[in-house]
Amino acid sequence: MRRKDRRGALLILSFAGMVVGGIAAAGTFGGYRINTTPSFPLGLWRIEALSREVNVGDTLFICPPADAPAIKLARERLYLPAGLCEGGIAPLIKTVVALPGQTIAIEGDQVAIDGARLAHSSIQEADGQGRALTAFTEGVVPVGALFVHSDYVASFDSRYFGPIPAGGVLGLAREVFTFQP
């Protein structure tokens, strides 16, 4: 490679590095996150402050409890990307489908909330690599917790880890620039 070509390539790589660094800084300090998982549209999302109680139907950024056995297993299996939450886990983007006091049951292979089946909630017996998955059994969502979900069939959500502490809520998840693959 000629010297002039190398300098051009180095300039392009340097510029790309500055762009990536700028995006990372905006994410860290501006509340922006890039979603690379298929559970929700891919792309740029923003964490919007939540100035009210969480409602069913809210799509949130939420930090999972790093010490929960199901979350530890998910990290070992690389279901959850690295990020700024406790334990080095990225915040999850999930929709709230049940609040404290609501009853969760497994009916057949689907989740039911207060007796009504939840759409797109089939329970998978194994992950994409054939490793066994253990589903949440059933119970009442306790005070201070939320039951969260994604319509994506292979999403790792409360179907598997159960109710999640509401204290991990970072805010509402708002799409900025996203696309469906």
N, C-alpha and C. Protein backbone atom coordinates (compact mmCIF):
# COMPACT_ATOMS: atom_id res chain seq x y z
N MET A 1 0.86 -1.17 0.00
CA MET A 1 0.00 0.00 0.00
C MET A 1 0.90 1.24 0.00
N ARG A 2 0.55 2.18 -0.82
CA ARG A 2 1.34 3.41 -0.88
C ARG A 2 1.12 4.25 0.37
N ARG A 3 2.11 5.09 0.65
CA ARG A 3 2.08 5.92 1.85
C ARG A 3 0.83 6.81 1.88
N LYS A 4 0.47 7.39 0.74
CA LYS A 4 -0.70 8.27 0.65
C LYS A 4 -1.98 7.49 0.95
N ASP A 5 -2.07 6.25 0.43
CA ASP A 5 -3.24 5.42 0.69
C ASP A 5 -3.35 5.05 2.17
N ARG A 6 -2.19 4.76 2.79
CA ARG A 6 -2.20 4.43 4.22
C ARG A 6 -2.67 5.61 5.05
N ARG A 7 -2.23 6.80 4.70
CA ARG A 7 -2.65 8.00 5.45
C ARG A 7 -4.15 8.20 5.31
N GLY A 8 -4.70 7.97 4.12
CA GLY A 8 -6.14 8.10 3.90
C GLY A 8 -6.92 7.08 4.72
N ALA A 9 -6.43 5.85 4.72
CA ALA A 9 -7.08 4.80 5.51
C ALA A 9 -7.02 5.12 6.99
N LEU A 10 -5.88 5.63 7.45
CA LEU A 10 -5.73 6.01 8.86
C LEU A 10 -6.68 7.13 9.23
N LEU A 11 -6.84 8.11 8.33
CA LEU A 11 -7.77 9.21 8.58
C LEU A 11 -9.21 8.70 8.69
N ILE A 12 -9.59 7.81 7.81
CA ILE A 12 -10.95 7.25 7.83
C ILE A 12 -11.17 6.47 9.13
N LEU A 13 -10.21 5.64 9.52
CA LEU A 13 -10.33 4.87 10.77
C LEU A 13 -10.39 5.79 11.98
N SER A 14 -9.59 6.85 11.97
CA SER A 14 -9.62 7.80 13.08
C SER A 14 -10.97 8.48 13.19
N PHE A 15 -11.52 8.88 12.05
CA PHE A 15 -12.83 9.53 12.03
C PHE A 15 -13.90 8.56 12.53
N ALA A 16 -13.85 7.32 12.06
CA ALA A 16 -14.82 6.32 12.51
C ALA A 16 -14.72 6.11 14.01
N GLY A 17 -13.52 6.08 14.54
CA GLY A 17 -13.32 5.92 15.98
C GLY A 17 -13.91 7.08 16.76
N MET A 18 -13.76 8.32 16.22
CA MET A 18 -14.33 9.48 16.90
C MET A 18 -15.85 9.42 16.88
N VAL A 19 -16.43 8.97 15.77
CA VAL A 19 -17.89 8.85 15.68
C VAL A 19 -18.39 7.83 16.70
N VAL A 20 -17.75 6.66 16.75
CA VAL A 20 -18.16 5.63 17.71
C VAL A 20 -18.00 6.15 19.13
N GLY A 21 -16.90 6.82 19.41
CA GLY A 21 -16.69 7.40 20.75
C GLY A 21 -17.74 8.43 21.09
N GLY A 22 -18.11 9.26 20.11
CA GLY A 22 -19.15 10.26 20.33
C GLY A 22 -20.51 9.63 20.63
N ILE A 23 -20.82 8.58 19.90
CA ILE A 23 -22.08 7.86 20.15
C ILE A 23 -22.07 7.26 21.55
N ALA A 24 -20.95 6.65 21.93
CA ALA A 24 -20.85 6.07 23.27
C ALA A 24 -20.99 7.13 24.35
N ALA A 25 -20.38 8.30 24.15
CA ALA A 25 -20.49 9.38 25.12
C ALA A 25 -21.92 9.90 25.20
N ALA A 26 -22.57 10.04 24.05
CA ALA A 26 -23.97 10.48 24.05
C ALA A 26 -24.85 9.48 24.78
N GLY A 27 -24.56 8.21 24.59
CA GLY A 27 -25.31 7.18 25.28
C GLY A 27 -25.12 7.23 26.77
N THR A 28 -23.89 7.40 27.18
CA THR A 28 -23.58 7.43 28.61
C THR A 28 -24.14 8.67 29.28
N PHE A 29 -23.98 9.82 28.66
CA PHE A 29 -24.36 11.06 29.31
C PHE A 29 -25.70 11.62 28.86
N GLY A 30 -26.20 11.18 27.73
CA GLY A 30 -27.44 11.74 27.20
C GLY A 30 -28.64 10.82 27.29
N GLY A 31 -28.48 9.63 27.85
CA GLY A 31 -29.60 8.73 27.99
C GLY A 31 -29.97 7.99 26.73
N TYR A 32 -29.06 7.89 25.79
CA TYR A 32 -29.33 7.16 24.56
C TYR A 32 -28.72 5.77 24.64
N ARG A 33 -29.38 4.82 24.01
CA ARG A 33 -28.89 3.44 23.96
C ARG A 33 -29.11 2.89 22.56
N ILE A 34 -28.22 2.03 22.15
CA ILE A 34 -28.37 1.35 20.87
C ILE A 34 -28.86 -0.06 21.15
N ASN A 35 -30.00 -0.42 20.58
CA ASN A 35 -30.52 -1.77 20.74
C ASN A 35 -30.05 -2.62 19.58
N THR A 36 -29.37 -3.72 19.93
CA THR A 36 -28.88 -4.65 18.90
C THR A 36 -29.53 -6.01 19.03
N THR A 37 -30.56 -6.11 19.88
CA THR A 37 -31.24 -7.39 20.07
C THR A 37 -32.57 -7.39 19.31
N PRO A 38 -33.05 -8.55 18.88
CA PRO A 38 -34.28 -8.59 18.09
C PRO A 38 -35.57 -8.48 18.91
N SER A 39 -35.48 -8.33 20.22
CA SER A 39 -36.68 -8.24 21.05
C SER A 39 -37.51 -6.99 20.74
N PHE A 40 -36.85 -5.93 20.32
CA PHE A 40 -37.49 -4.68 19.93
C PHE A 40 -36.76 -4.16 18.71
N PRO A 41 -37.33 -3.17 17.99
CA PRO A 41 -36.65 -2.69 16.78
C PRO A 41 -35.19 -2.30 17.04
N LEU A 42 -34.35 -2.64 16.09
CA LEU A 42 -32.93 -2.31 16.17
C LEU A 42 -32.74 -0.82 15.95
N GLY A 43 -31.75 -0.25 16.64
CA GLY A 43 -31.43 1.14 16.40
C GLY A 43 -31.25 1.94 17.67
N LEU A 44 -31.40 3.25 17.53
CA LEU A 44 -31.16 4.19 18.60
C LEU A 44 -32.43 4.45 19.40
N TRP A 45 -32.32 4.32 20.71
CA TRP A 45 -33.42 4.54 21.65
C TRP A 45 -32.98 5.58 22.67
N ARG A 46 -33.94 6.22 23.31
CA ARG A 46 -33.67 7.20 24.35
C ARG A 46 -34.40 6.79 25.63
N ILE A 47 -33.73 7.00 26.75
CA ILE A 47 -34.37 6.78 28.05
C ILE A 47 -35.04 8.08 28.46
N GLU A 48 -36.36 8.04 28.60
CA GLU A 48 -37.13 9.21 28.99
C GLU A 48 -37.50 9.09 30.47
N ALA A 49 -37.25 10.12 31.23
CA ALA A 49 -37.57 10.11 32.66
C ALA A 49 -39.04 9.77 32.86
N LEU A 50 -39.31 8.99 33.88
CA LEU A 50 -40.67 8.57 34.21
C LEU A 50 -41.12 9.37 35.42
N SER A 51 -42.09 10.24 35.24
CA SER A 51 -42.55 11.12 36.32
C SER A 51 -43.91 10.70 36.86
N ARG A 52 -44.24 9.43 36.67
CA ARG A 52 -45.52 8.89 37.14
C ARG A 52 -45.30 7.43 37.50
N GLU A 53 -46.34 6.79 37.98
CA GLU A 53 -46.27 5.36 38.26
C GLU A 53 -46.15 4.57 36.96
N VAL A 54 -45.51 3.43 37.02
CA VAL A 54 -45.42 2.53 35.87
C VAL A 54 -46.80 1.95 35.60
N ASN A 55 -47.16 1.84 34.32
CA ASN A 55 -48.44 1.28 33.91
C ASN A 55 -48.24 0.06 33.03
N VAL A 56 -49.23 -0.83 33.02
CA VAL A 56 -49.21 -1.92 32.05
C VAL A 56 -49.20 -1.29 30.67
N GLY A 57 -48.35 -1.81 29.79
CA GLY A 57 -48.21 -1.29 28.45
C GLY A 57 -47.02 -0.37 28.27
N ASP A 58 -46.43 0.10 29.37
CA ASP A 58 -45.23 0.94 29.26
C ASP A 58 -44.06 0.10 28.77
N THR A 59 -43.32 0.62 27.81
CA THR A 59 -42.08 0.00 27.39
C THR A 59 -40.96 0.74 28.10
N LEU A 60 -40.15 -0.02 28.84
CA LEU A 60 -39.16 0.56 29.74
C LEU A 60 -37.75 0.08 29.44
N PHE A 61 -36.80 0.89 29.89
CA PHE A 61 -35.43 0.42 30.10
C PHE A 61 -35.38 0.04 31.58
N ILE A 62 -34.91 -1.17 31.86
CA ILE A 62 -34.86 -1.64 33.23
C ILE A 62 -33.61 -2.49 33.44
N CYS A 63 -32.94 -2.26 34.56
CA CYS A 63 -31.76 -3.05 34.90
C CYS A 63 -32.21 -4.32 35.62
N PRO A 64 -31.77 -5.47 35.14
CA PRO A 64 -32.12 -6.72 35.84
C PRO A 64 -31.26 -6.89 37.09
N PRO A 65 -31.74 -7.64 38.07
CA PRO A 65 -30.95 -7.89 39.28
C PRO A 65 -29.79 -8.84 38.96
N ALA A 66 -28.57 -8.34 39.01
CA ALA A 66 -27.39 -9.12 38.60
C ALA A 66 -27.19 -10.38 39.42
N ASP A 67 -27.69 -10.39 40.66
CA ASP A 67 -27.46 -11.55 41.53
C ASP A 67 -28.53 -12.63 41.42
N ALA A 68 -29.56 -12.41 40.60
CA ALA A 68 -30.61 -13.43 40.42
C ALA A 68 -30.05 -14.60 39.62
N PRO A 69 -30.32 -15.84 40.05
CA PRO A 69 -29.77 -17.01 39.35
C PRO A 69 -30.08 -17.03 37.85
N ALA A 70 -31.30 -16.69 37.46
CA ALA A 70 -31.65 -16.72 36.03
C ALA A 70 -30.86 -15.67 35.25
N ILE A 71 -30.59 -14.53 35.86
CA ILE A 71 -29.82 -13.47 35.20
C ILE A 71 -28.35 -13.88 35.10
N LYS A 72 -27.83 -14.51 36.14
CA LYS A 72 -26.45 -15.02 36.07
C LYS A 72 -26.30 -16.03 34.94
N LEU A 73 -27.26 -16.93 34.83
CA LEU A 73 -27.23 -17.93 33.76
C LEU A 73 -27.31 -17.25 32.39
N ALA A 74 -28.17 -16.24 32.28
CA ALA A 74 -28.31 -15.51 31.01
C ALA A 74 -27.01 -14.82 30.62
N ARG A 75 -26.28 -14.30 31.59
CA ARG A 75 -24.98 -13.67 31.30
C ARG A 75 -23.98 -14.73 30.83
N GLU A 76 -23.98 -15.89 31.52
CA GLU A 76 -23.06 -16.97 31.12
C GLU A 76 -23.34 -17.42 29.70
N ARG A 77 -24.61 -17.47 29.32
CA ARG A 77 -25.00 -17.94 27.98
C ARG A 77 -25.00 -16.81 26.94
N LEU A 78 -24.63 -15.63 27.37
CA LEU A 78 -24.54 -14.45 26.50
C LEU A 78 -25.88 -14.02 25.91
N TYR A 79 -26.97 -14.23 26.67
CA TYR A 79 -28.27 -13.72 26.24
C TYR A 79 -28.34 -12.20 26.42
N LEU A 80 -27.62 -11.70 27.43
CA LEU A 80 -27.69 -10.29 27.79
C LEU A 80 -26.37 -9.61 27.46
N PRO A 81 -26.43 -8.50 26.72
CA PRO A 81 -25.19 -7.80 26.39
C PRO A 81 -24.60 -7.07 27.59
N ALA A 82 -23.34 -6.71 27.47
CA ALA A 82 -22.66 -5.95 28.52
C ALA A 82 -23.17 -4.52 28.52
N GLY A 83 -23.17 -3.91 29.71
CA GLY A 83 -23.64 -2.54 29.81
C GLY A 83 -23.36 -1.94 31.16
N LEU A 84 -24.09 -0.88 31.48
CA LEU A 84 -23.81 -0.06 32.66
C LEU A 84 -24.61 -0.42 33.90
N CYS A 85 -25.47 -1.42 33.84
CA CYS A 85 -26.23 -1.83 35.03
C CYS A 85 -25.30 -2.62 35.95
N GLU A 86 -25.76 -2.83 37.17
CA GLU A 86 -25.02 -3.63 38.13
C GLU A 86 -24.64 -4.98 37.52
N GLY A 87 -23.44 -5.41 37.77
CA GLY A 87 -22.98 -6.68 37.22
C GLY A 87 -22.51 -6.57 35.78
N GLY A 88 -22.43 -5.34 35.25
CA GLY A 88 -21.96 -5.13 33.89
C GLY A 88 -22.95 -5.53 32.82
N ILE A 89 -24.23 -5.51 33.15
CA ILE A 89 -25.30 -5.91 32.22
C ILE A 89 -25.93 -4.67 31.60
N ALA A 90 -26.28 -4.78 30.33
CA ALA A 90 -26.99 -3.68 29.66
C ALA A 90 -28.44 -3.65 30.14
N PRO A 91 -29.04 -2.47 30.19
CA PRO A 91 -30.46 -2.42 30.55
C PRO A 91 -31.30 -3.14 29.50
N LEU A 92 -32.36 -3.77 29.97
CA LEU A 92 -33.29 -4.47 29.09
C LEU A 92 -34.32 -3.48 28.57
N ILE A 93 -34.82 -3.71 27.36
CA ILE A 93 -36.00 -2.99 26.85
C ILE A 93 -37.13 -4.01 26.90
N LYS A 94 -38.12 -3.74 27.74
CA LYS A 94 -39.24 -4.67 27.90
C LYS A 94 -40.53 -3.89 28.12
N THR A 95 -41.64 -4.53 27.84
CA THR A 95 -42.96 -3.95 28.06
C THR A 95 -43.55 -4.54 29.34
N VAL A 96 -44.12 -3.69 30.16
CA VAL A 96 -44.75 -4.13 31.41
C VAL A 96 -46.09 -4.77 31.05
N VAL A 97 -46.28 -6.02 31.50
CA VAL A 97 -47.54 -6.72 31.22
C VAL A 97 -48.31 -7.06 32.50
N ALA A 98 -47.66 -6.93 33.67
CA ALA A 98 -48.37 -7.18 34.93
C ALA A 98 -47.72 -6.37 36.04
N LEU A 99 -48.57 -5.92 36.95
CA LEU A 99 -48.15 -5.09 38.09
C LEU A 99 -48.34 -5.86 39.39
N PRO A 100 -47.85 -5.31 40.50
CA PRO A 100 -48.02 -5.99 41.79
C PRO A 100 -49.48 -6.35 42.06
N GLY A 101 -49.67 -7.57 42.56
CA GLY A 101 -51.00 -8.07 42.89
C GLY A 101 -51.63 -8.89 41.78
N GLN A 102 -51.10 -8.80 40.57
CA GLN A 102 -51.66 -9.60 39.48
C GLN A 102 -51.08 -11.01 39.52
N THR A 103 -51.91 -11.97 39.11
CA THR A 103 -51.53 -13.38 39.17
C THR A 103 -51.01 -13.85 37.83
N ILE A 104 -49.84 -14.50 37.88
CA ILE A 104 -49.21 -15.06 36.69
C ILE A 104 -49.35 -16.58 36.77
N ALA A 105 -49.77 -17.20 35.67
CA ALA A 105 -49.86 -18.66 35.59
C ALA A 105 -49.38 -19.09 34.22
N ILE A 106 -48.94 -20.35 34.14
CA ILE A 106 -48.57 -20.93 32.86
C ILE A 106 -49.70 -21.88 32.47
N GLU A 107 -50.35 -21.58 31.35
CA GLU A 107 -51.46 -22.40 30.86
C GLU A 107 -51.01 -23.03 29.55
N GLY A 108 -50.76 -24.33 29.61
CA GLY A 108 -50.19 -25.00 28.45
C GLY A 108 -48.76 -24.53 28.29
N ASP A 109 -48.48 -23.87 27.20
CA ASP A 109 -47.13 -23.33 27.01
C ASP A 109 -47.15 -21.81 26.92
N GLN A 110 -48.22 -21.17 27.47
CA GLN A 110 -48.33 -19.72 27.41
C GLN A 110 -48.55 -19.12 28.79
N VAL A 111 -48.17 -17.85 28.90
CA VAL A 111 -48.38 -17.09 30.13
C VAL A 111 -49.81 -16.59 30.16
N ALA A 112 -50.42 -16.65 31.33
CA ALA A 112 -51.73 -16.05 31.55
C ALA A 112 -51.60 -15.08 32.71
N ILE A 113 -52.23 -13.93 32.56
CA ILE A 113 -52.23 -12.90 33.61
C ILE A 113 -53.66 -12.70 34.06
N ASP A 114 -53.91 -12.96 35.33
CA ASP A 114 -55.27 -12.90 35.90
C ASP A 114 -56.24 -13.69 35.04
N GLY A 115 -55.78 -14.85 34.54
CA GLY A 115 -56.62 -15.76 33.78
C GLY A 115 -56.69 -15.48 32.29
N ALA A 116 -56.16 -14.37 31.83
CA ALA A 116 -56.20 -14.04 30.39
C ALA A 116 -54.84 -14.36 29.76
N ARG A 117 -54.88 -15.14 28.69
CA ARG A 117 -53.62 -15.50 28.02
C ARG A 117 -52.95 -14.27 27.43
N LEU A 118 -51.65 -14.21 27.58
CA LEU A 118 -50.84 -13.13 27.04
C LEU A 118 -50.39 -13.50 25.63
N ALA A 119 -50.71 -12.67 24.66
CA ALA A 119 -50.32 -12.92 23.27
C ALA A 119 -48.81 -13.00 23.14
N HIS A 120 -48.35 -13.84 22.25
CA HIS A 120 -46.92 -13.99 21.94
C HIS A 120 -46.09 -14.37 23.17
N SER A 121 -46.64 -15.23 24.02
CA SER A 121 -45.95 -15.57 25.26
C SER A 121 -45.63 -17.05 25.38
N SER A 122 -45.49 -17.73 24.25
CA SER A 122 -45.19 -19.16 24.35
C SER A 122 -43.85 -19.37 25.05
N ILE A 123 -43.80 -20.43 25.83
CA ILE A 123 -42.61 -20.78 26.59
C ILE A 123 -41.77 -21.74 25.75
N GLN A 124 -40.52 -21.42 25.57
CA GLN A 124 -39.61 -22.28 24.84
C GLN A 124 -38.92 -23.24 25.81
N GLU A 125 -38.77 -24.49 25.42
CA GLU A 125 -38.11 -25.48 26.28
C GLU A 125 -36.60 -25.41 26.19
N ALA A 126 -36.09 -24.86 25.07
CA ALA A 126 -34.65 -24.78 24.86
C ALA A 126 -34.32 -23.50 24.10
N ASP A 127 -33.08 -23.03 24.27
CA ASP A 127 -32.64 -21.86 23.53
C ASP A 127 -32.19 -22.28 22.13
N GLY A 128 -31.69 -21.36 21.35
CA GLY A 128 -31.29 -21.62 19.98
C GLY A 128 -30.16 -22.62 19.84
N GLN A 129 -29.44 -22.87 20.93
CA GLN A 129 -28.34 -23.84 20.91
C GLN A 129 -28.74 -25.16 21.56
N GLY A 130 -30.03 -25.31 21.84
CA GLY A 130 -30.52 -26.57 22.40
C GLY A 130 -30.37 -26.72 23.90
N ARG A 131 -29.94 -25.65 24.58
CA ARG A 131 -29.78 -25.71 26.04
C ARG A 131 -31.13 -25.50 26.71
N ALA A 132 -31.40 -26.27 27.75
CA ALA A 132 -32.69 -26.20 28.43
C ALA A 132 -32.95 -24.82 29.02
N LEU A 133 -34.20 -24.39 28.92
CA LEU A 133 -34.67 -23.16 29.55
C LEU A 133 -35.66 -23.52 30.63
N THR A 134 -35.56 -22.84 31.75
CA THR A 134 -36.50 -23.06 32.85
C THR A 134 -37.44 -21.88 32.90
N ALA A 135 -38.72 -22.15 32.79
CA ALA A 135 -39.72 -21.08 32.81
C ALA A 135 -40.08 -20.72 34.25
N PHE A 136 -40.49 -19.46 34.42
CA PHE A 136 -41.09 -19.03 35.67
C PHE A 136 -42.35 -19.88 35.85
N THR A 137 -42.61 -20.33 37.06
CA THR A 137 -43.76 -21.22 37.24
C THR A 137 -45.06 -20.45 37.33
N GLU A 138 -45.29 -19.79 38.43
CA GLU A 138 -46.49 -18.98 38.58
C GLU A 138 -46.46 -18.32 39.93
N GLY A 139 -47.35 -17.36 40.11
CA GLY A 139 -47.44 -16.67 41.39
C GLY A 139 -48.00 -15.27 41.21
N VAL A 140 -48.06 -14.55 42.31
CA VAL A 140 -48.55 -13.18 42.31
C VAL A 140 -47.35 -12.26 42.20
N VAL A 141 -47.44 -11.25 41.34
CA VAL A 141 -46.36 -10.27 41.23
C VAL A 141 -46.28 -9.53 42.56
N PRO A 142 -45.12 -9.60 43.24
CA PRO A 142 -45.03 -8.97 44.55
C PRO A 142 -44.94 -7.45 44.49
N VAL A 143 -45.23 -6.82 45.62
CA VAL A 143 -45.08 -5.37 45.73
C VAL A 143 -43.63 -5.03 45.39
N GLY A 144 -43.44 -3.97 44.62
CA GLY A 144 -42.10 -3.54 44.25
C GLY A 144 -41.52 -4.27 43.06
N ALA A 145 -42.35 -5.03 42.34
CA ALA A 145 -41.86 -5.79 41.18
C ALA A 145 -42.78 -5.58 39.98
N LEU A 146 -42.27 -5.96 38.80
CA LEU A 146 -43.01 -5.87 37.55
C LEU A 146 -42.80 -7.16 36.77
N PHE A 147 -43.78 -7.54 35.98
CA PHE A 147 -43.64 -8.69 35.07
C PHE A 147 -43.51 -8.09 33.69
N VAL A 148 -42.37 -8.34 33.03
CA VAL A 148 -42.06 -7.69 31.75
C VAL A 148 -41.96 -8.72 30.64
N HIS A 149 -42.18 -8.24 29.41
CA HIS A 149 -42.32 -9.15 28.28
C HIS A 149 -41.92 -8.47 26.98
N SER A 150 -41.59 -9.29 26.00
CA SER A 150 -41.40 -8.85 24.61
C SER A 150 -42.14 -9.84 23.73
N ASP A 151 -42.73 -9.36 22.66
CA ASP A 151 -43.46 -10.24 21.73
C ASP A 151 -42.54 -11.17 20.96
N TYR A 152 -41.25 -10.89 20.94
CA TYR A 152 -40.30 -11.73 20.20
C TYR A 152 -40.24 -13.11 20.85
N VAL A 153 -40.42 -14.17 20.07
CA VAL A 153 -40.54 -15.53 20.60
C VAL A 153 -39.33 -15.96 21.43
N ALA A 154 -38.13 -15.51 21.07
CA ALA A 154 -36.93 -15.94 21.78
C ALA A 154 -36.45 -14.91 22.80
N SER A 155 -37.30 -13.96 23.15
CA SER A 155 -36.91 -12.95 24.12
C SER A 155 -36.67 -13.57 25.50
N PHE A 156 -35.64 -13.10 26.17
CA PHE A 156 -35.39 -13.51 27.55
C PHE A 156 -36.05 -12.46 28.43
N ASP A 157 -37.19 -12.83 29.00
CA ASP A 157 -37.98 -11.88 29.77
C ASP A 157 -38.57 -12.58 30.99
N SER A 158 -39.60 -12.00 31.59
CA SER A 158 -40.16 -12.57 32.82
C SER A 158 -40.73 -13.96 32.65
N ARG A 159 -40.94 -14.41 31.42
CA ARG A 159 -41.35 -15.81 31.21
C ARG A 159 -40.32 -16.74 31.84
N TYR A 160 -39.07 -16.29 31.89
CA TYR A 160 -37.98 -17.13 32.38
C TYR A 160 -37.41 -16.64 33.71
N PHE A 161 -37.31 -15.34 33.92
CA PHE A 161 -36.72 -14.87 35.18
C PHE A 161 -37.75 -14.39 36.18
N GLY A 162 -39.03 -14.38 35.84
CA GLY A 162 -40.07 -13.99 36.78
C GLY A 162 -40.16 -12.49 36.95
N PRO A 163 -40.91 -12.05 37.97
CA PRO A 163 -41.04 -10.61 38.22
C PRO A 163 -39.66 -10.00 38.49
N ILE A 164 -39.48 -8.78 38.08
CA ILE A 164 -38.21 -8.06 38.20
C ILE A 164 -38.41 -6.84 39.10
N PRO A 165 -37.44 -6.50 39.95
CA PRO A 165 -37.60 -5.35 40.85
C PRO A 165 -37.85 -4.04 40.10
N ALA A 166 -38.90 -3.33 40.48
CA ALA A 166 -39.23 -2.05 39.86
C ALA A 166 -38.16 -1.00 40.14
N GLY A 167 -37.36 -1.22 41.15
CA GLY A 167 -36.27 -0.30 41.46
C GLY A 167 -35.24 -0.20 40.36
N GLY A 168 -35.24 -1.17 39.44
CA GLY A 168 -34.30 -1.15 38.33
C GLY A 168 -34.76 -0.31 37.14
N VAL A 169 -35.97 0.27 37.22
CA VAL A 169 -36.50 1.06 36.09
C VAL A 169 -35.64 2.30 35.90
N LEU A 170 -35.13 2.46 34.67
CA LEU A 170 -34.36 3.66 34.33
C LEU A 170 -35.25 4.72 33.71
N GLY A 171 -36.32 4.31 33.05
CA GLY A 171 -37.24 5.25 32.42
C GLY A 171 -37.95 4.59 31.25
N LEU A 172 -38.79 5.36 30.60
CA LEU A 172 -39.51 4.88 29.43
C LEU A 172 -38.54 4.73 28.26
N ALA A 173 -38.78 3.74 27.43
CA ALA A 173 -37.96 3.51 26.23
C ALA A 173 -38.65 4.17 25.05
N ARG A 174 -37.96 5.11 24.43
CA ARG A 174 -38.52 5.84 23.28
C ARG A 174 -37.63 5.63 22.06
N GLU A 175 -38.24 5.24 20.97
CA GLU A 175 -37.50 5.05 19.73
C GLU A 175 -37.06 6.40 19.17
N VAL A 176 -35.81 6.48 18.73
CA VAL A 176 -35.29 7.68 18.10
C VAL A 176 -35.10 7.42 16.61
N PHE A 177 -34.32 6.41 16.31
CA PHE A 177 -34.08 6.01 14.92
C PHE A 177 -33.94 4.50 14.91
N THR A 178 -34.99 3.79 14.50
CA THR A 178 -34.99 2.34 14.55
C THR A 178 -35.47 1.78 13.23
N PHE A 179 -35.23 0.48 13.05
CA PHE A 179 -35.71 -0.21 11.86
C PHE A 179 -35.92 -1.68 12.19
N GLN A 180 -36.80 -2.30 11.44
CA GLN A 180 -37.07 -3.74 11.58
C GLN A 180 -36.22 -4.46 10.53
N PRO A 181 -35.46 -5.48 10.94
CA PRO A 181 -34.64 -6.20 9.95
C PRO A 181 -35.50 -6.99 8.97
